Amino acid sequence: MSESYTWLITGASRGLGLEMVRQLLQSSSNTIIAACRTPDNAAVLKSLHTDAKGTLHVIQIDTADEASIRASSTIVKTILGERGLDYLISNAAILEGGNDVTAFSFSVPSFRRTLETNVIGPAIVADTFLPLLEKGNRKVLVNISSGLASIGLDFGDIAAVYSISKTALNMLTYKQAKAKPEFIVFCVDPGWVKTDMGGEKAPLEPHESVSKVLKIVADATSQSSGKFFRYDGEVLAW
């Protein structure tokens, strides 16, 4: 009997999250819990079960709402039964204002929403599902970051609020890895991808980025923990 794996992915109704679910469902060994803000509007996500070899469950999680995250725990426990969670991928994020937002031209409400969704949300998600990760065989926690989070890569003044949020997410990842050395915790830059967030000028198609990201995730070992990877496996500068 082949080994089976359980996955929880946030932000799964579009873009990278949707493509992750699509690719993971190609294997009968995967049970995927796909979380999104409004499942009633996630027709494409729900339709993926039609030709799936794996098992798909769609649930509601709004990463900007702590109550929504905490409430989902009971649902996920019911789905998993006696099993734990092997992989948790925090993918949900927002980008408001695009590249034009600088350190001196931001909206305070937008700044707050971005931090709540992109940093505090993943922190609460990880805390909520910690007991299930501890029961899992793999214990892999992945935060989807961005090259814009890297100070070392020096992208200048563009997309300031989004960049700040992803840099904070990277530090969260590092602290999670240090707090749970028995886990495999790391962050990944998926590259500039043709999604609603990345836009049509992006050089990467979702399937190209996601196939490489999922390979990093599946192949991850304890040596991966606490690191910041590009989708091609390169370790990025903080």
Protein backbone atom coordinates (compact mmCIF):
# COMPACT_ATOMS: atom_id res chain seq x y z
CA MET A 1 0.00 0.00 0.00
CA SER A 2 1.43 3.39 -1.02
CA GLU A 3 1.95 6.08 1.61
CA SER A 4 -0.80 8.69 1.87
CA TYR A 5 -0.45 12.37 2.72
CA THR A 6 -2.74 15.06 4.10
CA TRP A 7 -2.54 18.70 2.98
CA LEU A 8 -4.13 21.96 4.06
CA ILE A 9 -3.74 24.89 1.67
CA THR A 10 -5.09 28.40 2.28
CA GLY A 11 -6.00 30.79 -0.52
CA ALA A 12 -6.93 27.80 -2.68
CA SER A 13 -9.70 29.24 -4.85
CA ARG A 14 -7.48 31.01 -7.40
CA GLY A 15 -3.95 31.57 -8.65
CA LEU A 16 -1.15 29.57 -7.08
CA GLY A 17 -3.34 27.92 -4.46
CA LEU A 18 -5.78 26.64 -7.08
CA GLU A 19 -2.93 25.25 -9.17
CA MET A 20 -1.42 23.55 -6.12
CA VAL A 21 -4.69 21.76 -5.48
CA ARG A 22 -5.02 20.83 -9.16
CA GLN A 23 -1.56 19.25 -9.27
CA LEU A 24 -1.82 17.49 -5.91
CA LEU A 25 -5.12 15.90 -6.92
CA GLN A 26 -3.29 14.06 -9.70
CA SER A 27 -2.07 11.58 -7.06
CA SER A 28 -4.40 9.17 -5.26
CA SER A 29 -2.09 9.34 -2.24
CA ASN A 30 -3.15 12.93 -1.43
CA THR A 31 -6.04 14.18 0.67
CA ILE A 32 -6.29 17.94 0.16
CA ILE A 33 -8.21 20.33 2.37
CA ALA A 34 -8.53 23.45 0.24
CA ALA A 35 -9.41 26.57 2.21
CA CYS A 36 -10.75 29.81 0.76
CA ARG A 37 -12.64 32.87 1.95
CA THR A 38 -15.94 32.16 0.15
CA PRO A 39 -16.42 28.53 -0.91
CA ASP A 40 -19.82 29.36 -2.41
CA ASN A 41 -18.01 31.40 -5.07
CA ALA A 42 -15.24 28.84 -5.66
CA ALA A 43 -16.84 26.96 -8.54
CA VAL A 44 -13.55 26.21 -10.31
CA LEU A 45 -11.97 24.87 -7.13
CA LYS A 46 -14.94 22.63 -6.41
CA SER A 47 -14.96 21.32 -9.97
CA LEU A 48 -11.45 19.89 -9.58
CA HIS A 49 -12.84 16.79 -7.87
CA THR A 50 -14.35 15.62 -11.18
CA ASP A 51 -11.19 14.11 -12.66
CA ALA A 52 -9.26 13.87 -9.41
CA LYS A 53 -7.33 10.83 -8.27
CA GLY A 54 -6.83 12.34 -4.84
CA THR A 55 -9.49 13.42 -2.36
CA LEU A 56 -10.67 17.05 -2.16
CA HIS A 57 -12.40 18.84 0.71
CA VAL A 58 -13.25 22.55 0.36
CA ILE A 59 -13.63 24.56 3.57
CA GLN A 60 -14.00 28.19 4.60
CA ILE A 61 -11.08 30.14 6.07
CA ASP A 62 -10.68 33.91 5.93
CA THR A 63 -7.11 34.55 7.00
CA ALA A 64 -8.00 38.11 7.97
CA ASP A 65 -10.53 36.80 10.52
CA GLU A 66 -9.26 34.96 13.60
CA ALA A 67 -12.69 33.53 14.41
CA SER A 68 -12.91 32.04 10.92
CA ILE A 69 -9.52 30.38 11.29
CA ARG A 70 -10.19 29.01 14.77
CA ALA A 71 -13.63 27.69 13.78
CA SER A 72 -12.17 25.71 10.88
CA SER A 73 -10.18 23.53 13.26
CA THR A 74 -13.19 21.41 14.20
CA ILE A 75 -14.06 20.84 10.54
CA VAL A 76 -10.52 19.82 9.66
CA LYS A 77 -10.32 17.44 12.62
CA THR A 78 -13.54 15.78 11.46
CA ILE A 79 -12.18 15.37 7.93
CA LEU A 80 -8.87 13.90 9.11
CA GLY A 81 -10.28 11.61 11.77
CA GLU A 82 -7.37 9.86 13.45
CA ARG A 83 -4.84 11.22 10.97
CA GLY A 84 -2.64 14.24 11.47
CA LEU A 85 -1.67 16.96 9.01
CA ASP A 86 1.43 16.26 6.93
CA TYR A 87 1.63 19.55 5.01
CA LEU A 88 0.31 23.01 5.83
CA ILE A 89 0.82 25.63 3.10
CA SER A 90 -0.10 29.21 4.01
CA ASN A 91 -0.65 30.70 0.58
CA ALA A 92 -3.46 33.26 1.09
CA ALA A 93 -2.30 36.85 0.67
CA ILE A 94 -3.38 40.23 -0.66
CA LEU A 95 -1.59 42.95 -2.64
CA GLU A 96 -3.32 46.33 -2.56
CA GLY A 97 -2.11 49.30 -4.55
CA GLY A 98 0.39 47.35 -6.63
CA ASN A 99 3.97 48.48 -7.19
CA ASP A 100 3.10 52.17 -6.79
CA VAL A 101 2.84 51.99 -3.00
CA THR A 102 5.99 53.36 -1.35
CA ALA A 103 7.07 53.93 2.24
CA PHE A 104 5.63 57.46 1.95
CA SER A 105 2.49 56.83 -0.09
CA PHE A 106 0.41 54.19 1.68
CA SER A 107 -3.12 53.88 2.99
CA VAL A 108 -3.26 53.10 6.70
CA PRO A 109 -6.37 50.87 6.41
CA SER A 110 -4.73 48.98 3.53
CA PHE A 111 -1.52 48.60 5.54
CA ARG A 112 -3.49 47.08 8.43
CA ARG A 113 -5.45 44.72 6.13
CA THR A 114 -2.24 43.57 4.49
CA LEU A 115 -0.52 42.79 7.78
CA GLU A 116 -3.61 41.03 9.12
CA THR A 117 -3.94 38.84 6.02
CA ASN A 118 -0.31 38.26 5.07
CA VAL A 119 1.36 37.94 8.48
CA ILE A 120 -1.04 37.64 11.39
CA GLY A 121 -3.30 35.28 9.45
CA PRO A 122 -0.57 32.71 8.70
CA ALA A 123 0.59 32.96 12.33
CA ILE A 124 -2.91 32.13 13.59
CA VAL A 125 -3.33 29.37 10.99
CA ALA A 126 -0.11 27.69 12.13
CA ASP A 127 -1.03 28.06 15.79
CA THR A 128 -4.53 26.68 15.19
CA PHE A 129 -3.35 23.60 13.34
CA LEU A 130 -0.25 22.96 15.44
CA PRO A 131 -1.80 19.92 17.22
CA LEU A 132 -2.66 18.33 13.86
CA LEU A 133 0.82 19.01 12.48
CA GLU A 134 2.27 17.37 15.58
CA LYS A 135 0.23 14.25 14.75
CA GLY A 136 1.37 14.29 11.11
CA ASN A 137 4.09 12.08 9.68
CA ARG A 138 5.84 14.84 7.71
CA LYS A 139 5.22 17.95 9.86
CA VAL A 140 5.92 20.38 7.01
CA LEU A 141 4.86 24.02 7.37
CA VAL A 142 5.37 26.27 4.34
CA ASN A 143 4.74 30.01 4.08
CA ILE A 144 4.45 31.35 0.53
CA SER A 145 6.57 34.50 0.46
CA SER A 146 7.94 36.70 -2.33
CA GLY A 147 11.27 37.85 -3.71
CA LEU A 148 10.10 41.33 -2.73
CA ALA A 149 10.56 40.25 0.89
CA SER A 150 14.32 40.03 0.43
CA ILE A 151 16.30 43.07 1.54
CA GLY A 152 19.39 41.48 0.00
CA LEU A 153 17.87 41.35 -3.50
CA ASP A 154 17.29 45.14 -3.33
CA PHE A 155 14.08 45.71 -5.29
CA GLY A 156 14.02 49.38 -4.29
CA ASP A 157 10.96 51.30 -3.15
CA ILE A 158 8.21 49.40 -5.03
CA ALA A 159 5.24 47.64 -3.40
CA ALA A 160 6.36 48.78 0.03
CA VAL A 161 3.47 47.55 2.16
CA TYR A 162 3.29 44.15 0.48
CA SER A 163 7.08 43.79 0.73
CA ILE A 164 7.05 44.69 4.41
CA SER A 165 4.34 42.11 5.08
CA LYS A 166 6.28 39.36 3.31
CA THR A 167 9.52 40.26 5.11
CA ALA A 168 7.60 39.93 8.38
CA LEU A 169 6.24 36.59 7.17
CA ASN A 170 9.81 35.43 6.57
CA MET A 171 10.75 36.30 10.14
CA LEU A 172 7.65 34.49 11.36
CA THR A 173 8.84 31.44 9.41
CA TYR A 174 12.30 31.64 10.96
CA LYS A 175 10.84 31.92 14.47
CA GLN A 176 8.46 29.00 13.82
CA ALA A 177 11.39 26.86 12.68
CA LYS A 178 13.37 27.71 15.81
CA ALA A 179 10.39 27.10 18.10
CA LYS A 180 9.64 23.69 16.54
CA PRO A 181 12.93 22.03 15.55
CA GLU A 182 11.13 18.72 15.03
CA PHE A 183 9.12 20.35 12.21
CA ILE A 184 10.24 21.29 8.69
CA VAL A 185 9.40 25.00 8.35
CA PHE A 186 10.46 27.24 5.47
CA CYS A 187 9.26 29.95 3.10
CA VAL A 188 9.21 29.96 -0.70
CA ASP A 189 9.23 32.69 -3.33
CA PRO A 190 7.08 31.30 -6.18
CA GLY A 191 8.49 33.83 -8.63
CA TRP A 192 6.63 36.35 -10.75
CA VAL A 193 3.63 34.37 -11.95
CA LYS A 194 0.71 35.09 -14.29
CA THR A 195 -2.07 35.29 -11.68
CA ASP A 196 -4.56 37.98 -10.66
CA MET A 197 -1.84 39.30 -8.38
CA GLY A 198 1.12 38.88 -10.73
CA GLY A 199 -0.55 40.20 -13.87
CA GLU A 200 -0.25 39.23 -17.51
CA LYS A 201 3.32 40.55 -17.90
CA ALA A 202 4.67 37.93 -15.49
CA PRO A 203 7.06 35.47 -17.17
CA LEU A 204 5.93 32.32 -15.33
CA GLU A 205 2.77 30.30 -15.88
CA PRO A 206 1.14 29.00 -12.67
CA HIS A 207 1.80 25.35 -13.54
CA GLU A 208 5.52 26.06 -14.06
CA SER A 209 5.98 27.72 -10.68
CA VAL A 210 3.76 25.37 -8.72
CA SER A 211 5.31 22.17 -10.04
CA LYS A 212 8.71 23.34 -8.80
CA VAL A 213 7.38 24.66 -5.49
CA LEU A 214 5.64 21.36 -4.77
CA LYS A 215 8.85 19.47 -5.56
CA ILE A 216 10.69 21.56 -2.96
CA VAL A 217 7.90 20.86 -0.47
CA ALA A 218 7.74 17.13 -1.15
CA ASP A 219 11.53 16.73 -1.02
CA ALA A 220 12.02 18.91 2.06
CA THR A 221 14.10 17.57 4.93
CA SER A 222 15.21 18.94 8.28
CA GLN A 223 18.02 20.69 6.36
CA SER A 224 15.37 22.80 4.62
CA SER A 225 13.99 24.22 7.84
CA GLY A 226 14.42 27.91 8.57
CA LYS A 227 15.39 28.77 4.99
CA PHE A 228 14.02 31.02 2.25
CA PHE A 229 13.86 29.32 -1.16
CA ARG A 230 13.16 30.50 -4.68
CA TYR A 231 10.80 28.25 -6.64
CA ASP A 232 13.81 26.76 -8.48
CA GLY A 233 15.39 25.61 -5.21
CA GLU A 234 17.94 28.41 -4.81
CA VAL A 235 18.33 29.68 -1.25
CA LEU A 236 17.59 33.40 -1.27
CA ALA A 237 19.20 36.20 0.71
CA TRP A 238 17.11 37.49 3.59
